[in-house]
Amino acid sequence: MKKDILKHRLVPEHTILSKSEVNKVLKELDIHSEQLPKIKQDDPVCKAIEAKPGDILKITRKSHTAGKFVTYRLVLE
């Protein structure tokens, strides 16, 4: 039986942003997508959510100090 890694307590929530969400985030951060931290397409979470190269992921982590911490990653081959 294969386990769903997305349900593991140590894996933060990953979502693929839409084009309009990407534009909004990049404008707010005043950066280009290439300036974001990277994540490989063959990462187990990328495979599970079917992320493609060029997609931008929103990663939401629970934080004891900040409550919730959001970061973004650019998917690479």
PDB file of N, CA and C in Angstrom:
ATOM      1  N   MET A   1       0.844  -1.181   0.000  1.00  0.00           N
ATOM      2  CA  MET A   1       0.000   0.000   0.000  1.00  0.00           C
ATOM      3  C   MET A   1       0.894   1.250   0.000  1.00  0.00           C
ATOM      4  N   LYS A   2       0.643   2.146  -0.947  1.00  0.00           N
ATOM      5  CA  LYS A   2       1.432   3.362  -1.079  1.00  0.00           C
ATOM      6  C   LYS A   2       0.869   4.453  -0.163  1.00  0.00           C
ATOM      7  N   LYS A   3       1.759   5.129   0.547  1.00  0.00           N
ATOM      8  CA  LYS A   3       1.336   6.193   1.448  1.00  0.00           C
ATOM      9  C   LYS A   3       1.263   7.520   0.696  1.00  0.00           C
ATOM     10  N   ASP A   4       0.334   8.378   1.117  1.00  0.00           N
ATOM     11  CA  ASP A   4       0.191   9.710   0.537  1.00  0.00           C
ATOM     12  C   ASP A   4       1.108  10.658   1.307  1.00  0.00           C
ATOM     13  N   ILE A   5       2.217  11.067   0.671  1.00  0.00           N
ATOM     14  CA  ILE A   5       3.175  11.921   1.378  1.00  0.00           C
ATOM     15  C   ILE A   5       2.582  13.284   1.728  1.00  0.00           C
ATOM     16  N   LEU A   6       1.553  13.705   1.000  1.00  0.00           N
ATOM     17  CA  LEU A   6       0.944  15.011   1.272  1.00  0.00           C
ATOM     18  C   LEU A   6       0.223  15.044   2.616  1.00  0.00           C
ATOM     19  N   LYS A   7      -0.089  13.870   3.148  1.00  0.00           N
ATOM     20  CA  LYS A   7      -0.780  13.794   4.428  1.00  0.00           C
ATOM     21  C   LYS A   7       0.185  13.656   5.619  1.00  0.00           C
ATOM     22  N   HIS A   8       1.486  13.525   5.322  1.00  0.00           N
ATOM     23  CA  HIS A   8       2.464  13.381   6.394  1.00  0.00           C
ATOM     24  C   HIS A   8       2.557  14.681   7.187  1.00  0.00           C
ATOM     25  N   ARG A   9       2.666  14.581   8.503  1.00  0.00           N
ATOM     26  CA  ARG A   9       2.636  15.766   9.364  1.00  0.00           C
ATOM     27  C   ARG A   9       3.828  16.694   9.164  1.00  0.00           C
ATOM     28  N   LEU A  10       4.917  16.198   8.607  1.00  0.00           N
ATOM     29  CA  LEU A  10       6.085  17.038   8.389  1.00  0.00           C
ATOM     30  C   LEU A  10       6.121  17.700   7.007  1.00  0.00           C
ATOM     31  N   VAL A  11       5.180  17.367   6.130  1.00  0.00           N
ATOM     32  CA  VAL A  11       5.143  17.945   4.787  1.00  0.00           C
ATOM     33  C   VAL A  11       4.186  19.134   4.791  1.00  0.00           C
ATOM     34  N   PRO A  12       4.707  20.344   4.545  1.00  0.00           N
ATOM     35  CA  PRO A  12       3.824  21.513   4.539  1.00  0.00           C
ATOM     36  C   PRO A  12       2.902  21.503   3.317  1.00  0.00           C
ATOM     37  N   GLU A  13       1.886  22.338   3.355  1.00  0.00           N
ATOM     38  CA  GLU A  13       0.936  22.430   2.251  1.00  0.00           C
ATOM     39  C   GLU A  13       1.621  23.063   1.034  1.00  0.00           C
ATOM     40  N   HIS A  14       1.498  22.425  -0.116  1.00  0.00           N
ATOM     41  CA  HIS A  14       2.051  22.917  -1.380  1.00  0.00           C
ATOM     42  C   HIS A  14       0.889  23.132  -2.345  1.00  0.00           C
ATOM     43  N   THR A  15       0.818  24.302  -2.964  1.00  0.00           N
ATOM     44  CA  THR A  15      -0.204  24.547  -3.986  1.00  0.00           C
ATOM     45  C   THR A  15       0.450  25.209  -5.191  1.00  0.00           C
ATOM     46  N   ILE A  16      -0.038  24.862  -6.382  1.00  0.00           N
ATOM     47  CA  ILE A  16       0.450  25.466  -7.623  1.00  0.00           C
ATOM     48  C   ILE A  16      -0.348  26.751  -7.839  1.00  0.00           C
ATOM     49  N   LEU A  17       0.369  27.858  -8.034  1.00  0.00           N
ATOM     50  CA  LEU A  17      -0.299  29.135  -8.240  1.00  0.00           C
ATOM     51  C   LEU A  17      -0.798  29.275  -9.677  1.00  0.00           C
ATOM     52  N   SER A  18      -1.928  29.973  -9.822  1.00  0.00           N
ATOM     53  CA  SER A  18      -2.448  30.303 -11.154  1.00  0.00           C
ATOM     54  C   SER A  18      -1.612  31.453 -11.716  1.00  0.00           C
ATOM     55  N   LYS A  19      -1.748  31.720 -13.011  1.00  0.00           N
ATOM     56  CA  LYS A  19      -0.994  32.810 -13.649  1.00  0.00           C
ATOM     57  C   LYS A  19      -1.271  34.140 -12.960  1.00  0.00           C
ATOM     58  N   SER A  20      -2.531  34.413 -12.627  1.00  0.00           N
ATOM     59  CA  SER A  20      -2.859  35.693 -11.982  1.00  0.00           C
ATOM     60  C   SER A  20      -2.263  35.766 -10.579  1.00  0.00           C
ATOM     61  N   GLU A  21      -2.244  34.637  -9.862  1.00  0.00           N
ATOM     62  CA  GLU A  21      -1.632  34.606  -8.530  1.00  0.00           C
ATOM     63  C   GLU A  21      -0.121  34.830  -8.634  1.00  0.00           C
ATOM     64  N   VAL A  22       0.504  34.219  -9.657  1.00  0.00           N
ATOM     65  CA  VAL A  22       1.943  34.384  -9.878  1.00  0.00           C
ATOM     66  C   VAL A  22       2.255  35.859 -10.112  1.00  0.00           C
ATOM     67  N   ASN A  23       1.496  36.493 -11.004  1.00  0.00           N
ATOM     68  CA  ASN A  23       1.729  37.908 -11.311  1.00  0.00           C
ATOM     69  C   ASN A  23       1.594  38.774 -10.064  1.00  0.00           C
ATOM     70  N   LYS A  24       0.594  38.493  -9.248  1.00  0.00           N
ATOM     71  CA  LYS A  24       0.368  39.264  -8.029  1.00  0.00           C
ATOM     72  C   LYS A  24       1.536  39.095  -7.047  1.00  0.00           C
ATOM     73  N   VAL A  25       1.965  37.861  -6.840  1.00  0.00           N
ATOM     74  CA  VAL A  25       3.059  37.574  -5.897  1.00  0.00           C
ATOM     75  C   VAL A  25       4.361  38.218  -6.362  1.00  0.00           C
ATOM     76  N   LEU A  26       4.691  38.051  -7.646  1.00  0.00           N
ATOM     77  CA  LEU A  26       5.940  38.613  -8.160  1.00  0.00           C
ATOM     78  C   LEU A  26       5.938  40.135  -8.071  1.00  0.00           C
ATOM     79  N   LYS A  27       4.779  40.736  -8.316  1.00  0.00           N
ATOM     80  CA  LYS A  27       4.664  42.199  -8.217  1.00  0.00           C
ATOM     81  C   LYS A  27       4.827  42.644  -6.762  1.00  0.00           C
ATOM     82  N   GLU A  28       4.172  41.933  -5.828  1.00  0.00           N
ATOM     83  CA  GLU A  28       4.277  42.279  -4.405  1.00  0.00           C
ATOM     84  C   GLU A  28       5.716  42.161  -3.909  1.00  0.00           C
ATOM     85  N   LEU A  29       6.409  41.114  -4.350  1.00  0.00           N
ATOM     86  CA  LEU A  29       7.783  40.884  -3.905  1.00  0.00           C
ATOM     87  C   LEU A  29       8.802  41.680  -4.720  1.00  0.00           C
ATOM     88  N   ASP A  30       8.343  42.262  -5.840  1.00  0.00           N
ATOM     89  CA  ASP A  30       9.188  43.043  -6.751  1.00  0.00           C
ATOM     90  C   ASP A  30      10.402  42.228  -7.209  1.00  0.00           C
ATOM     91  N   ILE A  31      10.115  41.009  -7.707  1.00  0.00           N
ATOM     92  CA  ILE A  31      11.166  40.116  -8.203  1.00  0.00           C
ATOM     93  C   ILE A  31      10.696  39.428  -9.484  1.00  0.00           C
ATOM     94  N   HIS A  32      11.635  38.751 -10.150  1.00  0.00           N
ATOM     95  CA  HIS A  32      11.322  37.889 -11.294  1.00  0.00           C
ATOM     96  C   HIS A  32      11.266  36.458 -10.775  1.00  0.00           C
ATOM     97  N   SER A  33      10.541  35.593 -11.463  1.00  0.00           N
ATOM     98  CA  SER A  33      10.376  34.209 -10.996  1.00  0.00           C
ATOM     99  C   SER A  33      11.715  33.488 -10.818  1.00  0.00           C
ATOM    100  N   GLU A  34      12.716  33.829 -11.656  1.00  0.00           N
ATOM    101  CA  GLU A  34      14.025  33.174 -11.567  1.00  0.00           C
ATOM    102  C   GLU A  34      14.747  33.484 -10.252  1.00  0.00           C
ATOM    103  N   GLN A  35      14.295  34.524  -9.548  1.00  0.00           N
ATOM    104  CA  GLN A  35      14.918  34.912  -8.287  1.00  0.00           C
ATOM    105  C   GLN A  35      14.367  34.122  -7.094  1.00  0.00           C
ATOM    106  N   LEU A  36      13.324  33.349  -7.328  1.00  0.00           N
ATOM    107  CA  LEU A  36      12.735  32.543  -6.259  1.00  0.00           C
ATOM    108  C   LEU A  36      13.614  31.333  -5.953  1.00  0.00           C
ATOM    109  N   PRO A  37      13.520  30.808  -4.732  1.00  0.00           N
ATOM    110  CA  PRO A  37      14.186  29.522  -4.456  1.00  0.00           C
ATOM    111  C   PRO A  37      13.632  28.464  -5.412  1.00  0.00           C
ATOM    112  N   LYS A  38      14.421  27.461  -5.678  1.00  0.00           N
ATOM    113  CA  LYS A  38      14.045  26.438  -6.664  1.00  0.00           C
ATOM    114  C   LYS A  38      13.644  25.132  -5.984  1.00  0.00           C
ATOM    115  N   ILE A  39      12.872  24.331  -6.736  1.00  0.00           N
ATOM    116  CA  ILE A  39      12.518  22.974  -6.325  1.00  0.00           C
ATOM    117  C   ILE A  39      12.497  22.129  -7.594  1.00  0.00           C
ATOM    118  N   LYS A  40      13.035  20.930  -7.526  1.00  0.00           N
ATOM    119  CA  LYS A  40      13.103  20.066  -8.710  1.00  0.00           C
ATOM    120  C   LYS A  40      11.767  19.383  -8.987  1.00  0.00           C
ATOM    121  N   GLN A  41      11.473  19.203 -10.268  1.00  0.00           N
ATOM    122  CA  GLN A  41      10.240  18.549 -10.690  1.00  0.00           C
ATOM    123  C   GLN A  41      10.151  17.128 -10.150  1.00  0.00           C
ATOM    124  N   ASP A  42      11.302  16.475  -9.921  1.00  0.00           N
ATOM    125  CA  ASP A  42      11.267  15.099  -9.426  1.00  0.00           C
ATOM    126  C   ASP A  42      11.200  15.022  -7.892  1.00  0.00           C
ATOM    127  N   ASP A  43      11.031  16.175  -7.221  1.00  0.00           N
ATOM    128  CA  ASP A  43      10.787  16.173  -5.779  1.00  0.00           C
ATOM    129  C   ASP A  43       9.491  15.392  -5.531  1.00  0.00           C
ATOM    130  N   PRO A  44       9.447  14.555  -4.498  1.00  0.00           N
ATOM    131  CA  PRO A  44       8.249  13.744  -4.252  1.00  0.00           C
ATOM    132  C   PRO A  44       6.948  14.555  -4.154  1.00  0.00           C
ATOM    133  N   VAL A  45       6.992  15.730  -3.556  1.00  0.00           N
ATOM    134  CA  VAL A  45       5.772  16.541  -3.459  1.00  0.00           C
ATOM    135  C   VAL A  45       5.383  17.080  -4.835  1.00  0.00           C
ATOM    136  N   CYS A  46       6.365  17.523  -5.623  1.00  0.00           N
ATOM    137  CA  CYS A  46       6.070  17.999  -6.980  1.00  0.00           C
ATOM    138  C   CYS A  46       5.414  16.901  -7.809  1.00  0.00           C
ATOM    139  N   LYS A  47       5.933  15.688  -7.677  1.00  0.00           N
ATOM    140  CA  LYS A  47       5.335  14.557  -8.392  1.00  0.00           C
ATOM    141  C   LYS A  47       3.898  14.336  -7.929  1.00  0.00           C
ATOM    142  N   ALA A  48       3.676  14.405  -6.618  1.00  0.00           N
ATOM    143  CA  ALA A  48       2.346  14.134  -6.062  1.00  0.00           C
ATOM    144  C   ALA A  48       1.305  15.155  -6.515  1.00  0.00           C
ATOM    145  N   ILE A  49       1.719  16.427  -6.670  1.00  0.00           N
ATOM    146  CA  ILE A  49       0.747  17.450  -7.080  1.00  0.00           C
ATOM    147  C   ILE A  49       0.834  17.752  -8.575  1.00  0.00           C
ATOM    148  N   GLU A  50       1.697  16.989  -9.274  1.00  0.00           N
ATOM    149  CA  GLU A  50       1.876  17.099 -10.720  1.00  0.00           C
ATOM    150  C   GLU A  50       2.333  18.492 -11.151  1.00  0.00           C
ATOM    151  N   ALA A  51       3.309  19.047 -10.420  1.00  0.00           N
ATOM    152  CA  ALA A  51       3.882  20.345 -10.772  1.00  0.00           C
ATOM    153  C   ALA A  51       4.816  20.182 -11.967  1.00  0.00           C
ATOM    154  N   LYS A  52       4.793  21.157 -12.843  1.00  0.00           N
ATOM    155  CA  LYS A  52       5.597  21.135 -14.065  1.00  0.00           C
ATOM    156  C   LYS A  52       6.668  22.230 -14.006  1.00  0.00           C
ATOM    157  N   PRO A  53       7.762  22.080 -14.771  1.00  0.00           N
ATOM    158  CA  PRO A  53       8.774  23.141 -14.817  1.00  0.00           C
ATOM    159  C   PRO A  53       8.129  24.473 -15.209  1.00  0.00           C
ATOM    160  N   GLY A  54       8.507  25.517 -14.479  1.00  0.00           N
ATOM    161  CA  GLY A  54       7.932  26.838 -14.725  1.00  0.00           C
ATOM    162  C   GLY A  54       6.806  27.184 -13.757  1.00  0.00           C
ATOM    163  N   ASP A  55       6.205  26.162 -13.133  1.00  0.00           N
ATOM    164  CA  ASP A  55       5.159  26.421 -12.134  1.00  0.00           C
ATOM    165  C   ASP A  55       5.785  27.077 -10.906  1.00  0.00           C
ATOM    166  N   ILE A  56       4.984  27.860 -10.213  1.00  0.00           N
ATOM    167  CA  ILE A  56       5.423  28.428  -8.944  1.00  0.00           C
ATOM    168  C   ILE A  56       4.534  27.849  -7.858  1.00  0.00           C
ATOM    169  N   LEU A  57       5.194  27.310  -6.829  1.00  0.00           N
ATOM    170  CA  LEU A  57       4.479  26.691  -5.718  1.00  0.00           C
ATOM    171  C   LEU A  57       4.420  27.642  -4.533  1.00  0.00           C
ATOM    172  N   LYS A  58       3.283  27.652  -3.884  1.00  0.00           N
ATOM    173  CA  LYS A  58       3.127  28.359  -2.616  1.00  0.00           C
ATOM    174  C   LYS A  58       3.224  27.284  -1.539  1.00  0.00           C
ATOM    175  N   ILE A  59       4.165  27.471  -0.618  1.00  0.00           N
ATOM    176  CA  ILE A  59       4.380  26.494   0.452  1.00  0.00           C
ATOM    177  C   ILE A  59       4.021  27.170   1.767  1.00  0.00           C
ATOM    178  N   THR A  60       3.032  26.604   2.453  1.00  0.00           N
ATOM    179  CA  THR A  60       2.547  27.177   3.704  1.00  0.00           C
ATOM    180  C   THR A  60       2.928  26.258   4.848  1.00  0.00           C
ATOM    181  N   ARG A  61       3.789  26.774   5.724  1.00  0.00           N
ATOM    182  CA  ARG A  61       4.260  25.999   6.873  1.00  0.00           C
ATOM    183  C   ARG A  61       3.638  26.543   8.150  1.00  0.00           C
ATOM    184  N   LYS A  62       3.371  25.648   9.080  1.00  0.00           N
ATOM    185  CA  LYS A  62       2.941  26.065  10.405  1.00  0.00           C
ATOM    186  C   LYS A  62       4.191  26.444  11.183  1.00  0.00           C
ATOM    187  N   SER A  63       4.103  27.564  11.911  1.00  0.00           N
ATOM    188  CA  SER A  63       5.252  28.058  12.662  1.00  0.00           C
ATOM    189  C   SER A  63       4.839  28.360  14.092  1.00  0.00           C
ATOM    190  N   HIS A  64       5.663  27.924  15.039  1.00  0.00           N
ATOM    191  CA  HIS A  64       5.361  28.198  16.447  1.00  0.00           C
ATOM    192  C   HIS A  64       5.483  29.681  16.754  1.00  0.00           C
ATOM    193  N   THR A  65       6.358  30.385  16.043  1.00  0.00           N
ATOM    194  CA  THR A  65       6.569  31.805  16.323  1.00  0.00           C
ATOM    195  C   THR A  65       5.737  32.722  15.440  1.00  0.00           C
ATOM    196  N   ALA A  66       5.582  32.383  14.170  1.00  0.00           N
ATOM    197  CA  ALA A  66       4.853  33.249  13.239  1.00  0.00           C
ATOM    198  C   ALA A  66       3.411  32.799  13.020  1.00  0.00           C
ATOM    199  N   GLY A  67       3.048  31.632  13.503  1.00  0.00           N
ATOM    200  CA  GLY A  67       1.709  31.098  13.259  1.00  0.00           C
ATOM    201  C   GLY A  67       1.660  30.371  11.926  1.00  0.00           C
ATOM    202  N   LYS A  68       1.918  31.131  10.857  1.00  0.00           N
ATOM    203  CA  LYS A  68       1.920  30.565   9.511  1.00  0.00           C
ATOM    204  C   LYS A  68       3.005  31.283   8.718  1.00  0.00           C
ATOM    205  N   PHE A  69       3.810  30.526   7.990  1.00  0.00           N
ATOM    206  CA  PHE A  69       4.890  31.093   7.187  1.00  0.00           C
ATOM    207  C   PHE A  69       4.707  30.636   5.751  1.00  0.00           C
ATOM    208  N   VAL A  70       4.665  31.600   4.814  1.00  0.00           N
ATOM    209  CA  VAL A  70       4.461  31.284   3.404  1.00  0.00           C
ATOM    210  C   VAL A  70       5.738  31.582   2.629  1.00  0.00           C
ATOM    211  N   THR A  71       6.117  30.654   1.768  1.00  0.00           N
ATOM    212  CA  THR A  71       7.256  30.846   0.882  1.00  0.00           C
ATOM    213  C   THR A  71       6.859  30.340  -0.503  1.00  0.00           C
ATOM    214  N   TYR A  72       7.651  30.712  -1.494  1.00  0.00           N
ATOM    215  CA  TYR A  72       7.355  30.335  -2.865  1.00  0.00           C
ATOM    216  C   TYR A  72       8.574  29.680  -3.482  1.00  0.00           C
ATOM    217  N   ARG A  73       8.342  28.729  -4.401  1.00  0.00           N
ATOM    218  CA  ARG A  73       9.428  28.033  -5.085  1.00  0.00           C
ATOM    219  C   ARG A  73       9.099  27.915  -6.575  1.00  0.00           C
ATOM    220  N   LEU A  74      10.138  28.039  -7.388  1.00  0.00           N
ATOM    221  CA  LEU A  74      10.021  27.847  -8.827  1.00  0.00           C
ATOM    222  C   LEU A  74      10.384  26.411  -9.143  1.00  0.00           C
ATOM    223  N   VAL A  75       9.535  25.715  -9.888  1.00  0.00           N
ATOM    224  CA  VAL A  75       9.790  24.321 -10.253  1.00  0.00           C
ATOM    225  C   VAL A  75      10.718  24.268 -11.464  1.00  0.00           C
ATOM    226  N   LEU A  76      11.796  23.475 -11.317  1.00  0.00           N
ATOM    227  CA  LEU A  76      12.758  23.248 -12.401  1.00  0.00           C
ATOM    228  C   LEU A  76      12.748  21.788 -12.824  1.00  0.00           C
ATOM    229  N   GLU A  77      13.259  21.524 -14.047  1.00  0.00           N
ATOM    230  CA  GLU A  77      13.364  20.134 -14.530  1.00  0.00           C
ATOM    231  C   GLU A  77      14.280  19.331 -13.657  1.00  0.00           C
TER     232      GLU A  77
END
